[in-house]
């Protein structure tokens, strides 16, 4: 094995087992991973390298054939020797502006030199906007490498200027402690190609090469209790309010939960706790029966995952999840990062904590599997559940997502459906059913249906007893 340090990175050569090679080939192309054939030219190398550096970093391997040309281990068709792969290094350093920050490994399959050597390149996140030799700007999004033009390049430059608190070094959390963490051991047991804790942490820039101090992102990812290591608050609190109103203590049910743990575990524990609380929240249906409120689990998951991985860890506050009778509010510390706004949040992306996002995605079944598609998933899931989409609110130092249990159906339709299952309906029941808070707005809906001949007041009812019922026309008669 040789180890040459170039531009802050490393170049290593090693042999891996057949099973490790098979695991590498089995990986799916994603926001952080791509395959390139040994026949790829320098232009292709520049494009994928700059695209990853202009996103959150990632990896690509050169020497693996496309699935259309081979299958299984036969896709491993590397270079005859390391010298044949020198053009990769040349393109990363000499043909991109500025040079790409990277580490490189030359991988052979043990006992099968005839398969050749593949070049695994780890591209680090960067504070610069990287361009190819032709001056083109690319960015990775999902499993695609997209060319940027015009204002999108300006937006990228603006986003790149924001340094993340996740890179800060911690005074009292060092290499010797983090490499013994159970979560890191679990992670590396599934990592391919196999590597030592020290080498992984150093290569991923999670510890300082100079003095071994760990970064905030290392603690968030792998510490058993990040809140005890990171100087800022970084847990999740969950509160249940038996009300449709604001977070008033008089409506608080029980003591709010505080959840801690490495980010993967934190997300799992939070999702379990929120699901259990929501299952106990009753809501009135159009059949007149009270039943557990239902939010699409995939929508809740995406919102909670985004809150945990994109929050500003420099803000000393916990994520707060408030569960009301008619909505769930997820308050994430910190305003939207970079050029992100509530207007472009569904079309653009920017990760405030790229190391956390990228390394969480390396787990076998990562919670942030669908990079770049999370909020689209939320919108689709809420629509499929016949609920209105999420509301996004930017506060002074927080970003809030509100998932309201507000039906997509028009209030008139909900009221009529309720009356076809029940003899009458009051203003209070209609407000609960439709999600309309205003008594007067519900009255307007009632009068609209009355004018259409669909409903009529129940006779001899006054004031608080006032109610409405279907007419013959409303029942389907003539």
Protein backbone atom coordinates (compact mmCIF):
# COMPACT_ATOMS: atom_id res chain seq x y z
CA UNK A 1 0.00 0.00 0.00
CA UNK A 2 1.24 3.49 -0.74
CA UNK A 3 -0.15 6.78 0.57
CA UNK A 4 0.55 9.99 -1.33
CA UNK A 5 -1.00 13.18 0.03
CA UNK A 6 -2.14 15.54 -2.70
CA UNK A 7 -4.07 18.78 -2.26
CA UNK A 8 -5.06 17.79 1.28
CA UNK A 9 -6.31 14.38 0.16
CA UNK A 10 -4.87 10.89 -0.12
CA UNK A 11 -4.19 8.32 -2.82
CA UNK A 12 -4.14 4.72 -1.63
CA UNK A 13 -3.97 1.29 -3.20
CA UNK A 14 -5.48 -1.81 -1.57
CA UNK A 15 -7.08 -5.18 -2.22
CA UNK A 16 -10.69 -5.89 -1.21
CA UNK A 17 -12.66 -9.12 -0.98
CA UNK A 18 -15.01 -10.36 -3.65
CA UNK A 19 -17.98 -9.76 -1.33
CA UNK A 20 -16.90 -6.14 -0.78
CA UNK A 21 -16.58 -5.63 -4.52
CA UNK A 22 -20.06 -7.11 -5.00
CA UNK A 23 -21.49 -4.73 -2.39
CA UNK A 24 -19.98 -1.75 -4.19
CA UNK A 25 -21.47 -2.86 -7.51
CA UNK A 26 -24.88 -3.43 -5.88
CA UNK A 27 -25.14 0.18 -4.70
CA UNK A 28 -27.76 2.26 -6.47
CA UNK A 29 -26.76 5.52 -8.11
CA UNK A 30 -27.94 8.38 -5.95
CA UNK A 31 -27.38 11.98 -4.92
CA UNK A 32 -24.05 10.90 -3.38
CA UNK A 33 -22.92 8.02 -5.59
CA UNK A 34 -22.21 7.33 -9.25
CA UNK A 35 -20.55 4.72 -11.48
CA UNK A 36 -18.29 5.50 -14.42
CA UNK A 37 -16.83 3.13 -16.99
CA UNK A 38 -13.04 2.83 -17.41
CA UNK A 39 -13.73 4.09 -20.93
CA UNK A 40 -14.95 7.44 -19.56
CA UNK A 41 -12.95 10.46 -20.64
CA UNK A 42 -11.71 13.44 -18.67
CA UNK A 43 -14.84 15.44 -19.49
CA UNK A 44 -17.06 12.88 -17.73
CA UNK A 45 -14.76 12.86 -14.70
CA UNK A 46 -14.86 16.66 -14.51
CA UNK A 47 -18.64 16.75 -14.75
CA UNK A 48 -19.36 14.25 -11.96
CA UNK A 49 -16.59 15.60 -9.69
CA UNK A 50 -17.69 19.24 -9.97
CA UNK A 51 -21.34 18.22 -9.62
CA UNK A 52 -20.65 16.47 -6.31
CA UNK A 53 -18.38 19.26 -5.03
CA UNK A 54 -21.08 21.81 -5.90
CA UNK A 55 -23.64 19.79 -3.91
CA UNK A 56 -22.90 18.06 -0.58
CA UNK A 57 -19.96 15.96 -1.74
CA UNK A 58 -20.12 12.26 -2.48
CA UNK A 59 -18.33 9.42 -4.24
CA UNK A 60 -17.91 8.00 -7.71
CA UNK A 61 -16.01 4.94 -8.89
CA UNK A 62 -14.35 4.62 -12.29
CA UNK A 63 -14.05 1.13 -13.72
CA UNK A 64 -17.57 -0.26 -13.30
CA UNK A 65 -19.53 -0.98 -16.47
CA UNK A 66 -23.18 -0.04 -16.94
CA UNK A 67 -25.82 -2.62 -16.03
CA UNK A 68 -26.86 -2.73 -19.69
CA UNK A 69 -23.46 -4.09 -20.69
CA UNK A 70 -22.74 -6.55 -17.87
CA UNK A 71 -24.16 -7.86 -14.62
CA UNK A 72 -22.90 -8.78 -11.15
CA UNK A 73 -19.17 -8.94 -10.59
CA UNK A 74 -18.64 -8.91 -14.38
CA UNK A 75 -19.35 -5.19 -14.22
CA UNK A 76 -15.95 -4.80 -12.50
CA UNK A 77 -13.87 -3.95 -15.56
CA UNK A 78 -11.09 -1.78 -14.22
CA UNK A 79 -7.86 -0.37 -15.60
CA UNK A 80 -4.92 -2.66 -16.37
CA UNK A 81 -2.74 -0.68 -14.00
CA UNK A 82 -2.74 2.46 -11.88
CA UNK A 83 -0.88 4.47 -14.51
CA UNK A 84 -3.82 4.01 -16.87
CA UNK A 85 -6.02 5.84 -14.36
CA UNK A 86 -3.70 8.83 -13.88
CA UNK A 87 -5.95 10.98 -16.07
CA UNK A 88 -8.54 11.01 -13.26
CA UNK A 89 -6.17 12.77 -10.88
CA UNK A 90 -5.01 15.12 -13.66
CA UNK A 91 -8.56 16.18 -14.43
CA UNK A 92 -9.48 16.70 -10.78
CA UNK A 93 -6.46 18.90 -10.12
CA UNK A 94 -5.50 20.57 -13.38
CA UNK A 95 -8.69 20.76 -15.43
CA UNK A 96 -11.23 22.00 -12.86
CA UNK A 97 -11.30 25.49 -11.40
CA UNK A 98 -10.64 25.56 -8.54
CA UNK A 99 -9.18 22.06 -8.08
CA UNK A 100 -11.52 19.47 -6.56
CA UNK A 101 -10.96 18.53 -2.88
CA UNK A 102 -10.84 14.75 -2.95
CA UNK A 103 -9.39 11.45 -1.69
CA UNK A 104 -8.72 8.51 -3.98
CA UNK A 105 -8.44 4.75 -3.54
CA UNK A 106 -7.24 2.25 -6.16
CA UNK A 107 -9.14 -0.98 -5.50
CA UNK A 108 -8.18 -4.47 -6.69
CA UNK A 109 -10.27 -7.60 -6.13
CA UNK A 110 -8.26 -10.13 -4.14
CA UNK A 111 -7.20 -13.10 -6.25
CA UNK A 112 -8.57 -11.57 -9.46
CA UNK A 113 -5.97 -9.18 -10.90
CA UNK A 114 -7.40 -9.80 -14.37
CA UNK A 115 -10.47 -7.75 -13.39
CA UNK A 116 -8.29 -4.67 -13.19
CA UNK A 117 -8.12 -1.79 -10.75
CA UNK A 118 -11.02 0.58 -10.10
CA UNK A 119 -10.59 4.13 -8.88
CA UNK A 120 -12.87 5.18 -5.98
CA UNK A 121 -12.97 8.95 -5.59
CA UNK A 122 -14.41 10.63 -2.50
CA UNK A 123 -15.27 14.25 -3.26
CA UNK A 124 -15.39 16.51 -0.24
CA UNK A 125 -17.96 19.27 0.23
CA UNK A 126 -16.51 22.61 -0.78
CA UNK A 127 -17.03 26.31 -0.08
CA UNK A 128 -16.23 27.10 -3.73
CA UNK A 129 -18.18 26.93 -6.97
CA UNK A 130 -16.27 24.47 -9.14
CA UNK A 131 -16.20 24.65 -12.95
CA UNK A 132 -15.01 22.30 -15.66
CA UNK A 133 -12.22 23.21 -18.07
CA UNK A 134 -14.91 24.68 -20.36
CA UNK A 135 -16.20 26.92 -17.57
CA UNK A 136 -19.39 24.89 -17.12
CA UNK A 137 -21.06 24.49 -13.73
CA UNK A 138 -22.71 21.20 -12.75
CA UNK A 139 -24.53 20.12 -9.61
CA UNK A 140 -25.71 16.74 -8.37
CA UNK A 141 -29.44 16.41 -7.75
CA UNK A 142 -30.82 12.98 -6.99
CA UNK A 143 -29.15 10.53 -9.35
CA UNK A 144 -28.67 13.19 -12.02
CA UNK A 145 -25.81 15.50 -12.92
CA UNK A 146 -27.40 18.79 -13.96
CA UNK A 147 -25.82 21.71 -15.78
CA UNK A 148 -26.53 25.07 -14.13
CA UNK A 149 -26.95 28.37 -15.93
CA UNK A 150 -27.87 31.97 -15.16
CA UNK A 151 -29.35 32.73 -11.75
CA UNK A 152 -28.88 29.16 -10.53
CA UNK A 153 -25.12 29.65 -10.59
CA UNK A 154 -25.57 32.89 -8.62
CA UNK A 155 -27.82 31.06 -6.12
CA UNK A 156 -25.19 28.33 -5.76
CA UNK A 157 -22.47 30.92 -5.07
CA UNK A 158 -24.66 32.57 -2.44
CA UNK A 159 -25.32 29.25 -0.75
CA UNK A 160 -21.65 28.27 -0.83
CA UNK A 161 -20.76 31.36 1.17
CA UNK A 162 -22.48 30.03 4.28
CA UNK A 163 -20.10 28.04 6.51
CA UNK A 164 -21.86 25.42 8.57
CA UNK A 165 -21.54 25.07 12.32
CA UNK A 166 -21.32 21.30 11.78
CA UNK A 167 -17.64 21.78 10.88
CA UNK A 168 -16.71 23.37 14.22
CA UNK A 169 -14.25 21.37 16.31
CA UNK A 170 -15.25 20.32 19.82
CA UNK A 171 -12.78 20.86 22.66
CA UNK A 172 -13.80 17.84 24.75
CA UNK A 173 -14.69 15.24 22.12
CA UNK A 174 -11.79 13.57 20.35
CA UNK A 175 -10.83 10.67 18.12
CA UNK A 176 -10.15 8.20 20.97
CA UNK A 177 -13.67 8.71 22.32
CA UNK A 178 -15.66 8.80 19.10
CA UNK A 179 -14.06 5.68 17.61
CA UNK A 180 -15.44 3.69 20.56
CA UNK A 181 -19.05 4.86 20.05
CA UNK A 182 -21.52 2.01 19.49
CA UNK A 183 -23.27 3.87 16.68
CA UNK A 184 -20.02 4.27 14.72
CA UNK A 185 -19.27 0.58 15.23
CA UNK A 186 -22.74 -0.29 13.92
CA UNK A 187 -22.30 2.02 10.93
CA UNK A 188 -18.88 0.66 9.96
CA UNK A 189 -20.11 -2.93 10.25
CA UNK A 190 -22.22 -2.24 7.17
CA UNK A 191 -19.76 0.02 5.35
CA UNK A 192 -18.06 -1.11 2.16
CA UNK A 193 -15.21 -1.23 1.41
CA UNK A 194 -14.33 -2.07 5.02
CA UNK A 195 -12.22 0.50 6.82
CA UNK A 196 -11.00 1.34 10.32
CA UNK A 197 -12.78 3.91 12.47
CA UNK A 198 -9.75 6.20 12.49
CA UNK A 199 -9.29 6.12 8.73
CA UNK A 200 -13.02 6.69 8.10
CA UNK A 201 -13.26 9.62 10.52
CA UNK A 202 -10.14 11.25 9.10
CA UNK A 203 -11.10 10.76 5.48
CA UNK A 204 -14.59 12.13 6.03
CA UNK A 205 -13.11 15.20 7.79
CA UNK A 206 -14.93 14.33 11.02
CA UNK A 207 -11.79 14.68 13.11
CA UNK A 208 -8.87 17.05 12.79
CA UNK A 209 -5.70 15.47 11.36
CA UNK A 210 -3.72 17.91 13.46
CA UNK A 211 -4.98 17.20 16.98
CA UNK A 212 -7.74 14.56 16.65
CA UNK A 213 -10.55 16.83 17.84
CA UNK A 214 -13.97 15.81 16.49
CA UNK A 215 -16.45 18.04 14.69
CA UNK A 216 -20.00 18.88 15.70
CA UNK A 217 -21.25 16.69 12.83
CA UNK A 218 -19.29 13.71 14.22
CA UNK A 219 -21.03 14.10 17.58
CA UNK A 220 -24.46 14.54 16.00
CA UNK A 221 -23.95 11.43 13.86
CA UNK A 222 -22.34 8.99 16.27
CA UNK A 223 -22.33 10.17 19.91
CA UNK A 224 -24.62 8.23 22.24
CA UNK A 225 -25.71 11.53 23.80
CA UNK A 226 -24.96 14.46 21.47
CA UNK A 227 -26.64 16.88 23.88
CA UNK A 228 -23.90 16.11 26.43
CA UNK A 229 -21.11 16.72 23.91
CA UNK A 230 -22.27 19.58 21.68
CA UNK A 231 -22.30 22.95 23.52
CA UNK A 232 -25.64 23.93 21.93
CA UNK A 233 -29.01 22.29 22.57
CA UNK A 234 -29.71 19.66 19.93
CA UNK A 235 -32.45 17.30 21.17
CA UNK A 236 -36.10 16.92 20.14
CA UNK A 237 -39.02 17.89 22.38
CA UNK A 238 -42.56 16.64 21.77
CA UNK A 239 -45.58 18.30 23.37
CA UNK A 240 -49.26 17.32 23.14
CA UNK A 241 -51.92 20.06 23.44
CA UNK A 242 -55.57 19.04 23.76
CA UNK A 243 -56.73 22.03 21.76
CA UNK A 244 -57.02 23.52 18.28
CA UNK A 245 -55.55 26.77 19.57
CA UNK A 246 -51.98 27.85 20.33
CA UNK A 247 -49.46 26.22 22.69
CA UNK A 248 -51.11 27.29 25.95
CA UNK A 249 -49.93 25.44 29.08
CA UNK A 250 -53.51 24.92 30.25
CA UNK A 251 -54.04 22.62 27.25
CA UNK A 252 -50.76 20.73 27.73
CA UNK A 253 -51.27 17.01 28.30
CA UNK A 254 -48.61 15.49 30.52
CA UNK A 255 -44.93 16.39 30.49
CA UNK A 256 -43.29 17.06 27.09
CA UNK A 257 -40.97 14.28 25.95
CA UNK A 258 -37.26 14.94 25.39
CA UNK A 259 -35.55 12.66 22.90
CA UNK A 260 -31.80 12.35 22.36
CA UNK A 261 -29.36 10.04 20.57
CA UNK A 262 -27.20 9.83 17.43
CA UNK A 263 -29.10 11.25 14.48
CA UNK A 264 -30.27 7.92 13.00
CA UNK A 265 -31.57 6.76 16.38
CA UNK A 266 -32.96 10.20 17.21
CA UNK A 267 -35.09 10.15 14.06
CA UNK A 268 -36.37 6.62 14.74
CA UNK A 269 -37.27 7.40 18.37
CA UNK A 270 -38.97 10.65 17.38
CA UNK A 271 -41.06 9.00 14.67
CA UNK A 272 -42.18 6.25 17.07
CA UNK A 273 -43.11 8.73 19.81
CA UNK A 274 -45.02 11.05 17.46
CA UNK A 275 -46.92 8.13 15.92
CA UNK A 276 -48.05 6.86 19.34
CA UNK A 277 -49.29 10.29 20.41
CA UNK A 278 -51.14 10.93 17.15
CA UNK A 279 -52.87 7.54 17.33
CA UNK A 280 -54.49 8.71 20.58
CA UNK A 281 -55.87 11.95 19.10
CA UNK A 282 -59.59 11.59 18.26
CA UNK A 283 -61.18 13.44 15.35
CA UNK A 284 -64.74 13.68 14.04
CA UNK A 285 -65.38 12.01 10.71
CA UNK A 286 -68.13 12.64 8.17
CA UNK A 287 -69.80 9.48 9.43
CA UNK A 288 -70.33 11.23 12.75
CA UNK A 289 -67.94 8.92 14.59
CA UNK A 290 -64.81 9.83 16.53
CA UNK A 291 -61.76 7.97 15.27
CA UNK A 292 -57.96 8.35 15.56
CA UNK A 293 -56.55 11.19 13.51
CA UNK A 294 -54.51 9.99 10.55
CA UNK A 295 -51.61 11.72 8.86
CA UNK A 296 -49.67 10.00 6.06
CA UNK A 297 -46.68 8.39 7.84
CA UNK A 298 -44.39 9.22 4.92
CA UNK A 299 -45.32 12.91 5.22
CA UNK A 300 -44.60 13.00 8.95
CA UNK A 301 -41.32 11.16 8.40
CA UNK A 302 -40.04 13.55 5.74
CA UNK A 303 -40.91 16.64 7.78
CA UNK A 304 -39.22 15.27 10.91
CA UNK A 305 -36.15 14.03 9.00
CA UNK A 306 -35.75 17.43 7.34
CA UNK A 307 -36.05 19.20 10.68
CA UNK A 308 -33.28 17.06 12.21
CA UNK A 309 -30.76 17.11 9.35
CA UNK A 310 -31.27 20.67 8.10
CA UNK A 311 -31.67 22.55 11.41
CA UNK A 312 -29.11 25.15 12.42
CA UNK A 313 -27.01 23.48 15.13
CA UNK A 314 -25.46 26.86 15.95
CA UNK A 315 -28.81 27.91 17.44
CA UNK A 316 -29.00 26.67 21.02
CA UNK A 317 -32.50 25.28 20.93
CA UNK A 318 -34.23 21.94 20.54
CA UNK A 319 -36.53 20.93 17.71
CA UNK A 320 -40.08 21.32 19.02
CA UNK A 321 -42.89 19.11 17.75
CA UNK A 322 -46.30 20.30 18.95
CA UNK A 323 -49.27 17.98 18.40
CA UNK A 324 -52.67 19.68 18.52
CA UNK A 325 -56.13 18.23 17.92
CA UNK A 326 -56.15 19.48 14.33
CA UNK A 327 -52.51 19.84 13.30
CA UNK A 328 -48.86 18.98 13.90
CA UNK A 329 -46.29 21.78 14.06
CA UNK A 330 -42.58 21.02 13.64
CA UNK A 331 -40.37 23.95 14.66
CA UNK A 332 -36.74 23.62 13.54
CA UNK A 333 -34.11 26.04 14.95
CA UNK A 334 -32.67 28.46 12.41
CA UNK A 335 -34.06 30.25 9.37
CA UNK A 336 -33.88 28.73 5.90
CA UNK A 337 -30.25 28.44 4.73
CA UNK A 338 -28.55 30.09 1.77
CA UNK A 339 -30.85 31.30 -0.99
CA UNK A 340 -33.77 29.15 0.15
CA UNK A 341 -37.19 30.76 0.63
CA UNK A 342 -40.73 29.50 1.17
CA UNK A 343 -41.31 30.27 -2.53
CA UNK A 344 -38.52 28.05 -3.92
CA UNK A 345 -38.46 25.36 -1.23
CA UNK A 346 -40.24 22.85 -3.47
CA UNK A 347 -37.96 23.41 -6.48
CA UNK A 348 -34.49 24.21 -5.10
CA UNK A 349 -32.35 22.55 -2.47
CA UNK A 350 -29.49 23.46 -0.16
CA UNK A 351 -28.15 21.45 2.75
CA UNK A 352 -27.02 23.49 5.74
CA UNK A 353 -25.29 20.38 7.15
CA UNK A 354 -23.90 18.54 4.11
CA UNK A 355 -21.73 16.12 6.11
CA UNK A 356 -24.66 14.99 8.25
CA UNK A 357 -26.89 14.66 5.18
CA UNK A 358 -24.29 12.74 3.16
CA UNK A 359 -23.09 10.36 5.88
CA UNK A 360 -26.59 9.60 7.15
CA UNK A 361 -27.39 8.56 3.59
CA UNK A 362 -24.65 5.90 3.76
CA UNK A 363 -26.62 3.68 6.17
CA UNK A 364 -28.14 0.53 4.61
CA UNK A 365 -31.69 1.92 4.88
CA UNK A 366 -31.17 5.65 5.41
CA UNK A 367 -34.01 7.86 6.64
CA UNK A 368 -33.06 10.44 4.00
CA UNK A 369 -33.13 7.94 1.15
CA UNK A 370 -34.92 10.13 -1.40
CA UNK A 371 -32.61 13.13 -1.52
CA UNK A 372 -34.27 16.10 -3.24
CA UNK A 373 -37.70 14.43 -3.26
CA UNK A 374 -38.69 14.76 0.39
CA UNK A 375 -41.09 17.69 0.19
CA UNK A 376 -42.56 16.40 -3.07
CA UNK A 377 -43.31 13.20 -1.16
CA UNK A 378 -45.03 15.22 1.57
CA UNK A 379 -47.19 17.09 -0.94
CA UNK A 380 -48.18 13.90 -2.78
CA UNK A 381 -48.89 11.97 0.44
CA UNK A 382 -51.09 14.71 1.88
CA UNK A 383 -53.01 14.98 -1.38
CA UNK A 384 -53.49 11.20 -1.53
CA UNK A 385 -54.87 11.35 2.02
CA UNK A 386 -57.26 14.09 0.84
CA UNK A 387 -55.62 16.62 3.14
CA UNK A 388 -54.31 20.07 2.32
CA UNK A 389 -50.57 20.42 1.82
CA UNK A 390 -48.10 21.64 4.45
CA UNK A 391 -47.75 25.28 5.41
CA UNK A 392 -44.23 26.74 5.65
CA UNK A 393 -43.51 29.62 8.02
CA UNK A 394 -40.21 31.45 8.60
CA UNK A 395 -39.97 33.00 12.06
CA UNK A 396 -37.21 35.16 13.57
CA UNK A 397 -34.92 32.22 14.27
CA UNK A 398 -36.87 29.13 13.29
CA UNK A 399 -38.47 27.38 10.35
CA UNK A 400 -41.91 25.91 11.02
CA UNK A 401 -43.81 23.29 9.03
CA UNK A 402 -47.50 22.88 9.81
CA UNK A 403 -49.34 19.71 8.81
CA UNK A 404 -52.99 20.56 9.34
CA UNK A 405 -55.70 17.93 9.35
CA UNK A 406 -57.69 20.07 6.90
CA UNK A 407 -59.58 18.10 4.24
CA UNK A 408 -59.05 18.95 0.57
CA UNK A 409 -62.80 18.61 0.00
CA UNK A 410 -64.81 21.83 -0.01
CA UNK A 411 -66.64 22.64 3.26
CA UNK A 412 -69.97 22.27 1.45
CA UNK A 413 -69.12 18.70 0.42
CA UNK A 414 -68.03 17.73 3.94
CA UNK A 415 -71.19 19.15 5.51
CA UNK A 416 -73.46 17.38 3.03
CA UNK A 417 -71.61 14.08 3.48
CA UNK A 418 -71.94 14.41 7.25
CA UNK A 419 -75.69 15.09 6.97
CA UNK A 420 -76.18 12.02 4.81
CA UNK A 421 -74.89 9.99 7.77
CA UNK A 422 -76.40 12.08 10.57
CA UNK A 423 -79.72 13.83 11.20
CA UNK A 424 -78.33 17.31 11.84
CA UNK A 425 -75.21 19.43 12.13
CA UNK A 426 -74.31 22.38 14.35
CA UNK A 427 -71.85 25.20 13.72
CA UNK A 428 -69.43 23.71 16.23
CA UNK A 429 -69.44 20.29 14.56
CA UNK A 430 -69.03 21.89 11.13
CA UNK A 431 -66.00 23.83 12.34
CA UNK A 432 -64.41 20.65 13.68
CA UNK A 433 -65.22 18.82 10.46
CA UNK A 434 -63.98 21.44 7.99
CA UNK A 435 -61.08 22.93 9.92
CA UNK A 436 -62.61 26.40 9.61
CA UNK A 437 -61.94 28.33 12.82
CA UNK A 438 -64.42 31.17 12.23
CA UNK A 439 -68.04 30.69 13.30
CA UNK A 440 -69.16 33.36 10.81
CA UNK A 441 -67.38 31.68 7.90
CA UNK A 442 -69.21 28.44 8.68
CA UNK A 443 -72.50 30.38 8.80
CA UNK A 444 -71.76 31.63 5.28
CA UNK A 445 -71.31 28.04 4.09
CA UNK A 446 -74.63 27.05 5.71
CA UNK A 447 -76.46 29.95 4.03
CA UNK A 448 -74.89 29.09 0.68
CA UNK A 449 -76.24 25.54 0.97
CA UNK A 450 -79.61 26.87 2.17
CA UNK A 451 -79.87 29.18 -0.85
CA UNK A 452 -79.13 26.20 -3.08
CA UNK A 453 -82.03 24.38 -1.46
CA UNK A 454 -79.80 21.65 0.01
CA UNK A 455 -80.28 22.27 3.75
CA UNK A 456 -82.71 23.98 6.11
CA UNK A 457 -82.73 24.96 9.81
CA UNK A 458 -84.00 22.36 12.24
CA UNK A 459 -87.34 23.74 13.51
CA UNK A 460 -87.70 25.20 17.00
CA UNK A 461 -83.96 25.50 17.64
CA UNK A 462 -82.47 28.74 18.95
CA UNK A 463 -79.05 30.04 19.97
CA UNK A 464 -76.67 27.27 21.07
CA UNK A 465 -79.16 24.59 19.98
CA UNK A 466 -79.36 25.93 16.42
CA UNK A 467 -78.71 23.23 13.81
CA UNK A 468 -79.26 22.33 10.15
CA UNK A 469 -80.66 19.30 8.33
CA UNK A 470 -81.00 18.10 4.75
CA UNK A 471 -83.95 19.10 2.59
CA UNK A 472 -85.60 16.61 0.24
CA UNK A 473 -83.41 18.02 -2.50
CA UNK A 474 -80.33 17.58 -0.32
CA UNK A 475 -81.31 13.96 0.29
CA UNK A 476 -81.37 13.40 -3.45
CA UNK A 477 -85.06 14.02 -3.96
CA UNK A 478 -86.61 16.47 -6.42
